[in-house]
Amino acid sequence: MSAVTVSPKYQIVIPREVRERLRLKPGQKLKLLVLDGVATLVPVVPIEELRGIGQGHTYEGYREEEDEERWPS
């Protein structure tokens, strides 16, 4: 786990090991999510890069049993 310091301008530097692991590039956008006092940086991925990500997958087995009873196929 890497530690960072908040500058007087409220900026942080993302450590090299994290940048490399996430394959971050200069100018890349990150979303900051805050939940229960925990901040998480998530790289923004262009929608074009997600094309075909679900190819070959089905929804079989994803519905809850009570959903099946309420909304039969």
N, C-alpha and C. Protein backbone atom coordinates (compact mmCIF):
# COMPACT_ATOMS: atom_id res chain seq x y z
N MET A 1 0.84 -1.16 0.00
CA MET A 1 0.00 0.00 0.00
C MET A 1 0.90 1.23 0.00
N SER A 2 0.56 2.18 -0.86
CA SER A 2 1.34 3.40 -0.99
C SER A 2 0.68 4.53 -0.22
N ALA A 3 1.50 5.40 0.35
CA ALA A 3 0.99 6.57 1.06
C ALA A 3 1.31 7.81 0.24
N VAL A 4 0.41 8.77 0.25
CA VAL A 4 0.63 10.04 -0.44
C VAL A 4 0.40 11.17 0.55
N THR A 5 0.91 12.34 0.21
CA THR A 5 0.74 13.53 1.05
C THR A 5 -0.07 14.56 0.28
N VAL A 6 -1.01 15.18 0.93
CA VAL A 6 -1.81 16.23 0.32
C VAL A 6 -1.02 17.53 0.40
N SER A 7 -0.83 18.19 -0.75
CA SER A 7 -0.07 19.43 -0.79
C SER A 7 -0.92 20.59 -0.27
N PRO A 8 -0.29 21.76 -0.06
CA PRO A 8 -1.07 22.93 0.37
C PRO A 8 -2.17 23.31 -0.63
N LYS A 9 -2.03 22.87 -1.89
CA LYS A 9 -3.05 23.13 -2.92
C LYS A 9 -4.04 21.96 -3.01
N TYR A 10 -4.01 21.07 -2.04
CA TYR A 10 -4.88 19.88 -1.99
C TYR A 10 -4.64 18.94 -3.17
N GLN A 11 -3.40 18.83 -3.62
CA GLN A 11 -3.05 17.93 -4.70
C GLN A 11 -2.28 16.75 -4.14
N ILE A 12 -2.34 15.63 -4.87
CA ILE A 12 -1.56 14.45 -4.51
C ILE A 12 -0.83 13.97 -5.76
N VAL A 13 0.26 13.23 -5.55
CA VAL A 13 0.97 12.59 -6.65
C VAL A 13 0.69 11.10 -6.53
N ILE A 14 0.22 10.51 -7.63
CA ILE A 14 -0.04 9.06 -7.65
C ILE A 14 1.31 8.37 -7.80
N PRO A 15 1.66 7.49 -6.86
CA PRO A 15 2.96 6.82 -6.91
C PRO A 15 3.17 6.05 -8.22
N ARG A 16 4.43 5.98 -8.66
CA ARG A 16 4.77 5.32 -9.91
C ARG A 16 4.22 3.90 -9.99
N GLU A 17 4.39 3.12 -8.91
CA GLU A 17 3.92 1.73 -8.94
C GLU A 17 2.42 1.65 -9.21
N VAL A 18 1.65 2.59 -8.69
CA VAL A 18 0.20 2.61 -8.92
C VAL A 18 -0.09 3.04 -10.35
N ARG A 19 0.60 4.09 -10.82
CA ARG A 19 0.40 4.55 -12.21
C ARG A 19 0.69 3.44 -13.20
N GLU A 20 1.78 2.71 -12.96
CA GLU A 20 2.15 1.63 -13.88
C GLU A 20 1.15 0.48 -13.82
N ARG A 21 0.75 0.13 -12.62
CA ARG A 21 -0.19 -0.99 -12.47
C ARG A 21 -1.54 -0.69 -13.12
N LEU A 22 -1.98 0.57 -13.02
CA LEU A 22 -3.25 0.96 -13.63
C LEU A 22 -3.10 1.44 -15.07
N ARG A 23 -1.83 1.47 -15.54
CA ARG A 23 -1.52 1.94 -16.90
C ARG A 23 -2.08 3.34 -17.14
N LEU A 24 -1.89 4.23 -16.17
CA LEU A 24 -2.37 5.59 -16.30
C LEU A 24 -1.46 6.38 -17.23
N LYS A 25 -2.06 7.30 -17.98
CA LYS A 25 -1.33 8.15 -18.90
C LYS A 25 -1.53 9.61 -18.48
N PRO A 26 -0.57 10.49 -18.78
CA PRO A 26 -0.76 11.91 -18.47
C PRO A 26 -2.02 12.44 -19.16
N GLY A 27 -2.81 13.18 -18.43
CA GLY A 27 -4.04 13.74 -18.97
C GLY A 27 -5.25 12.83 -18.84
N GLN A 28 -5.04 11.58 -18.43
CA GLN A 28 -6.17 10.65 -18.29
C GLN A 28 -7.07 11.10 -17.15
N LYS A 29 -8.36 10.90 -17.31
CA LYS A 29 -9.33 11.29 -16.30
C LYS A 29 -9.55 10.17 -15.30
N LEU A 30 -9.76 10.57 -14.05
CA LEU A 30 -10.10 9.65 -12.97
C LEU A 30 -11.35 10.16 -12.29
N LYS A 31 -12.21 9.26 -11.85
CA LYS A 31 -13.37 9.62 -11.04
C LYS A 31 -12.99 9.41 -9.59
N LEU A 32 -13.45 10.30 -8.73
CA LEU A 32 -13.22 10.18 -7.30
C LEU A 32 -14.53 9.79 -6.65
N LEU A 33 -14.57 8.60 -6.07
CA LEU A 33 -15.76 8.10 -5.38
C LEU A 33 -15.49 8.14 -3.89
N VAL A 34 -16.44 8.65 -3.12
CA VAL A 34 -16.29 8.71 -1.66
C VAL A 34 -17.47 7.98 -1.04
N LEU A 35 -17.17 7.00 -0.19
CA LEU A 35 -18.21 6.23 0.47
C LEU A 35 -17.73 5.90 1.88
N ASP A 36 -18.50 6.30 2.85
CA ASP A 36 -18.18 6.02 4.26
C ASP A 36 -16.77 6.47 4.64
N GLY A 37 -16.37 7.64 4.19
CA GLY A 37 -15.07 8.18 4.55
C GLY A 37 -13.89 7.59 3.81
N VAL A 38 -14.15 6.78 2.78
CA VAL A 38 -13.08 6.18 2.00
C VAL A 38 -13.14 6.76 0.59
N ALA A 39 -12.02 7.32 0.12
CA ALA A 39 -11.94 7.87 -1.23
C ALA A 39 -11.28 6.85 -2.15
N THR A 40 -11.88 6.67 -3.32
CA THR A 40 -11.37 5.71 -4.29
C THR A 40 -11.24 6.41 -5.64
N LEU A 41 -10.09 6.31 -6.27
CA LEU A 41 -9.88 6.84 -7.61
C LEU A 41 -10.11 5.72 -8.62
N VAL A 42 -10.96 6.00 -9.61
CA VAL A 42 -11.29 5.00 -10.62
C VAL A 42 -10.99 5.58 -12.00
N PRO A 43 -10.13 4.91 -12.79
CA PRO A 43 -9.85 5.42 -14.14
C PRO A 43 -11.12 5.44 -14.99
N VAL A 44 -11.29 6.52 -15.74
CA VAL A 44 -12.41 6.63 -16.68
C VAL A 44 -11.99 5.93 -17.96
N VAL A 45 -12.82 5.00 -18.41
CA VAL A 45 -12.53 4.23 -19.63
C VAL A 45 -13.48 4.70 -20.72
N PRO A 46 -12.96 5.12 -21.88
CA PRO A 46 -13.85 5.51 -22.97
C PRO A 46 -14.78 4.37 -23.36
N ILE A 47 -16.02 4.70 -23.68
CA ILE A 47 -17.03 3.68 -23.98
C ILE A 47 -16.59 2.79 -25.15
N GLU A 48 -15.82 3.35 -26.07
CA GLU A 48 -15.36 2.56 -27.22
C GLU A 48 -14.51 1.37 -26.80
N GLU A 49 -13.77 1.52 -25.70
CA GLU A 49 -12.91 0.43 -25.23
C GLU A 49 -13.72 -0.71 -24.61
N LEU A 50 -14.98 -0.46 -24.29
CA LEU A 50 -15.81 -1.49 -23.68
C LEU A 50 -16.57 -2.32 -24.71
N ARG A 51 -16.48 -1.94 -25.98
CA ARG A 51 -17.20 -2.66 -27.03
C ARG A 51 -16.78 -4.13 -27.04
N GLY A 52 -17.78 -5.02 -26.99
CA GLY A 52 -17.54 -6.45 -27.05
C GLY A 52 -17.16 -7.08 -25.73
N ILE A 53 -17.15 -6.32 -24.64
CA ILE A 53 -16.72 -6.85 -23.35
C ILE A 53 -17.62 -8.00 -22.86
N GLY A 54 -18.89 -7.97 -23.25
CA GLY A 54 -19.80 -9.02 -22.80
C GLY A 54 -20.07 -10.09 -23.84
N GLN A 55 -19.33 -10.06 -24.92
CA GLN A 55 -19.55 -11.02 -26.00
C GLN A 55 -19.39 -12.45 -25.50
N GLY A 56 -20.37 -13.28 -25.81
CA GLY A 56 -20.32 -14.68 -25.43
C GLY A 56 -20.90 -14.98 -24.05
N HIS A 57 -21.30 -13.95 -23.31
CA HIS A 57 -21.88 -14.16 -21.99
C HIS A 57 -23.40 -14.18 -22.08
N THR A 58 -24.04 -14.90 -21.16
CA THR A 58 -25.49 -14.93 -21.11
C THR A 58 -25.96 -14.46 -19.75
N TYR A 59 -27.25 -14.20 -19.64
CA TYR A 59 -27.83 -13.80 -18.37
C TYR A 59 -28.29 -15.00 -17.56
N GLU A 60 -28.10 -16.18 -18.08
CA GLU A 60 -28.53 -17.41 -17.42
C GLU A 60 -27.92 -17.51 -16.03
N GLY A 61 -28.75 -17.69 -15.03
CA GLY A 61 -28.29 -17.87 -13.66
C GLY A 61 -28.06 -16.58 -12.89
N TYR A 62 -28.33 -15.43 -13.49
CA TYR A 62 -28.12 -14.16 -12.81
C TYR A 62 -29.35 -13.67 -12.06
N ARG A 63 -30.51 -14.15 -12.41
CA ARG A 63 -31.73 -13.69 -11.75
C ARG A 63 -31.94 -14.43 -10.44
N GLU A 64 -32.45 -13.71 -9.47
CA GLU A 64 -32.78 -14.31 -8.18
C GLU A 64 -34.02 -15.19 -8.32
N GLU A 65 -34.12 -16.21 -7.49
CA GLU A 65 -35.27 -17.12 -7.56
C GLU A 65 -36.58 -16.38 -7.35
N GLU A 66 -36.61 -15.43 -6.39
CA GLU A 66 -37.87 -14.71 -6.15
C GLU A 66 -38.23 -13.85 -7.35
N ASP A 67 -37.23 -13.35 -8.10
CA ASP A 67 -37.51 -12.62 -9.33
C ASP A 67 -38.15 -13.53 -10.36
N GLU A 68 -37.67 -14.75 -10.45
CA GLU A 68 -38.22 -15.72 -11.38
C GLU A 68 -39.69 -15.99 -11.08
N GLU A 69 -40.02 -16.07 -9.78
CA GLU A 69 -41.41 -16.31 -9.40
C GLU A 69 -42.27 -15.09 -9.71
N ARG A 70 -41.72 -13.91 -9.49
CA ARG A 70 -42.47 -12.67 -9.70
C ARG A 70 -42.57 -12.33 -11.18
N TRP A 71 -41.50 -12.56 -11.94
CA TRP A 71 -41.43 -12.18 -13.34
C TRP A 71 -40.99 -13.39 -14.17
N PRO A 72 -41.85 -14.38 -14.35
CA PRO A 72 -41.45 -15.56 -15.12
C PRO A 72 -41.09 -15.20 -16.56
N SER A 73 -40.13 -15.91 -17.11
CA SER A 73 -39.68 -15.65 -18.50
C SER A 73 -40.71 -16.08 -19.48
